[in-house]
C-alpha atoms as a PDB file:
ATOM      1  CA  MET A   1      20.181  17.940   4.003  1.00  0.00           C
ATOM      2  CA  ASN A   2      16.932  16.093   4.593  1.00  0.00           C
ATOM      3  CA  THR A   3      17.585  12.708   6.220  1.00  0.00           C
ATOM      4  CA  GLU A   4      13.981  11.564   6.572  1.00  0.00           C
ATOM      5  CA  ASN A   5      13.160   8.167   5.080  1.00  0.00           C
ATOM      6  CA  LYS A   6       9.649   8.423   3.733  1.00  0.00           C
ATOM      7  CA  ASN A   7       8.312   5.190   2.243  1.00  0.00           C
ATOM      8  CA  VAL A   8      11.755   3.706   1.577  1.00  0.00           C
ATOM      9  CA  ASP A   9      11.730   0.010   0.789  1.00  0.00           C
ATOM     10  CA  PRO A  10      14.414  -1.713   2.915  1.00  0.00           C
ATOM     11  CA  ASN A  11      15.211  -4.106   0.061  1.00  0.00           C
ATOM     12  CA  GLU A  12      15.748  -1.186  -2.319  1.00  0.00           C
ATOM     13  CA  LEU A  13      18.051   0.494   0.182  1.00  0.00           C
ATOM     14  CA  ALA A  14      20.050  -2.747   0.523  1.00  0.00           C
ATOM     15  CA  ILE A  15      20.466  -2.956  -3.266  1.00  0.00           C
ATOM     16  CA  ILE A  16      21.669   0.646  -3.494  1.00  0.00           C
ATOM     17  CA  THR A  17      24.128   0.060  -0.651  1.00  0.00           C
ATOM     18  CA  ALA A  18      25.440  -3.113  -2.299  1.00  0.00           C
ATOM     19  CA  TYR A  19      26.078  -1.301  -5.577  1.00  0.00           C
ATOM     20  CA  ALA A  20      27.882   1.505  -3.751  1.00  0.00           C
ATOM     21  CA  GLN A  21      30.064  -0.981  -1.872  1.00  0.00           C
ATOM     22  CA  MET A  22      30.930  -2.951  -5.008  1.00  0.00           C
ATOM     23  CA  VAL A  23      31.696   0.119  -7.107  1.00  0.00           C
ATOM     24  CA  PHE A  24      33.863   1.738  -4.453  1.00  0.00           C
ATOM     25  CA  PHE A  25      35.726  -1.516  -3.778  1.00  0.00           C
ATOM     26  CA  THR A  26      36.466  -2.238  -7.439  1.00  0.00           C
ATOM     27  CA  LEU A  27      37.474   1.323  -8.320  1.00  0.00           C
ATOM     28  CA  GLN A  28      39.622   1.606  -5.210  1.00  0.00           C
ATOM     29  CA  HIS A  29      41.487  -1.616  -6.094  1.00  0.00           C
ATOM     30  CA  SER A  30      42.057  -0.748  -9.746  1.00  0.00           C
ATOM     31  CA  ALA A  31      44.016   1.905 -11.556  1.00  0.00           C
ATOM     32  CA  THR A  32      40.795   3.743 -12.425  1.00  0.00           C
ATOM     33  CA  GLU A  33      40.267   7.238 -11.047  1.00  0.00           C
ATOM     34  CA  ILE A  34      37.048   7.595  -9.039  1.00  0.00           C
ATOM     35  CA  THR A  35      34.937  10.065 -11.020  1.00  0.00           C
ATOM     36  CA  PRO A  36      31.188  10.381 -11.559  1.00  0.00           C
ATOM     37  CA  LYS A  37      31.598   8.901 -15.047  1.00  0.00           C
ATOM     38  CA  SER A  38      33.607   5.892 -13.818  1.00  0.00           C
ATOM     39  CA  ILE A  39      31.056   5.264 -11.064  1.00  0.00           C
ATOM     40  CA  LYS A  40      28.200   5.371 -13.576  1.00  0.00           C
ATOM     41  CA  ASN A  41      30.007   2.999 -15.929  1.00  0.00           C
ATOM     42  CA  GLU A  42      30.816   0.593 -13.120  1.00  0.00           C
ATOM     43  CA  VAL A  43      27.215   0.504 -11.853  1.00  0.00           C
ATOM     44  CA  LYS A  44      25.970  -0.096 -15.405  1.00  0.00           C
ATOM     45  CA  MET A  45      28.470  -2.925 -15.888  1.00  0.00           C
ATOM     46  CA  PHE A  46      27.502  -4.605 -12.596  1.00  0.00           C
ATOM     47  CA  TYR A  47      23.793  -4.344 -13.395  1.00  0.00           C
ATOM     48  CA  GLU A  48      24.150  -5.744 -16.906  1.00  0.00           C
ATOM     49  CA  LYS A  49      26.605  -8.478 -15.947  1.00  0.00           C
ATOM     50  CA  PHE A  50      25.286  -9.658 -12.580  1.00  0.00           C
ATOM     51  CA  GLY A  51      21.900  -8.155 -11.712  1.00  0.00           C
ATOM     52  CA  ASN A  52      20.668  -6.984  -8.324  1.00  0.00           C
ATOM     53  CA  HIS A  53      20.601 -10.315  -6.499  1.00  0.00           C
ATOM     54  CA  GLU A  54      24.166 -11.272  -7.395  1.00  0.00           C
ATOM     55  CA  VAL A  55      25.521  -7.790  -6.588  1.00  0.00           C
ATOM     56  CA  LYS A  56      23.996  -8.021  -3.099  1.00  0.00           C
ATOM     57  CA  ARG A  57      25.588 -11.437  -2.596  1.00  0.00           C
ATOM     58  CA  LEU A  58      29.011 -10.290  -3.825  1.00  0.00           C
ATOM     59  CA  ALA A  59      28.914  -7.157  -1.665  1.00  0.00           C
ATOM     60  CA  ASN A  60      28.137  -9.268   1.411  1.00  0.00           C
ATOM     61  CA  ILE A  61      31.104 -11.529   0.639  1.00  0.00           C
ATOM     62  CA  ILE A  62      33.487  -8.590   0.204  1.00  0.00           C
ATOM     63  CA  ILE A  63      32.333  -6.874   3.405  1.00  0.00           C
ATOM     64  CA  LYS A  64      32.762 -10.095   5.397  1.00  0.00           C
ATOM     65  CA  GLU A  65      36.297 -10.541   4.008  1.00  0.00           C
ATOM     66  CA  LYS A  66      37.295  -7.011   5.032  1.00  0.00           C
ATOM     67  CA  LYS A  67      36.305  -7.561   8.692  1.00  0.00           C
END
């Protein structure tokens, strides 16, 4: 596995991380099985409903609550 970060925008990485955190949190706390299809549907729903900026904000709130 190649772990080099060539020309990765830190903001883009933060957005990807926020989506992953939100999707995992919501699927884990629902009756939905975690599958590639459910993850794809959840990411699509978050993007269409909230957009990148709001997903980052919500992910930060959830992570702070868990600590």
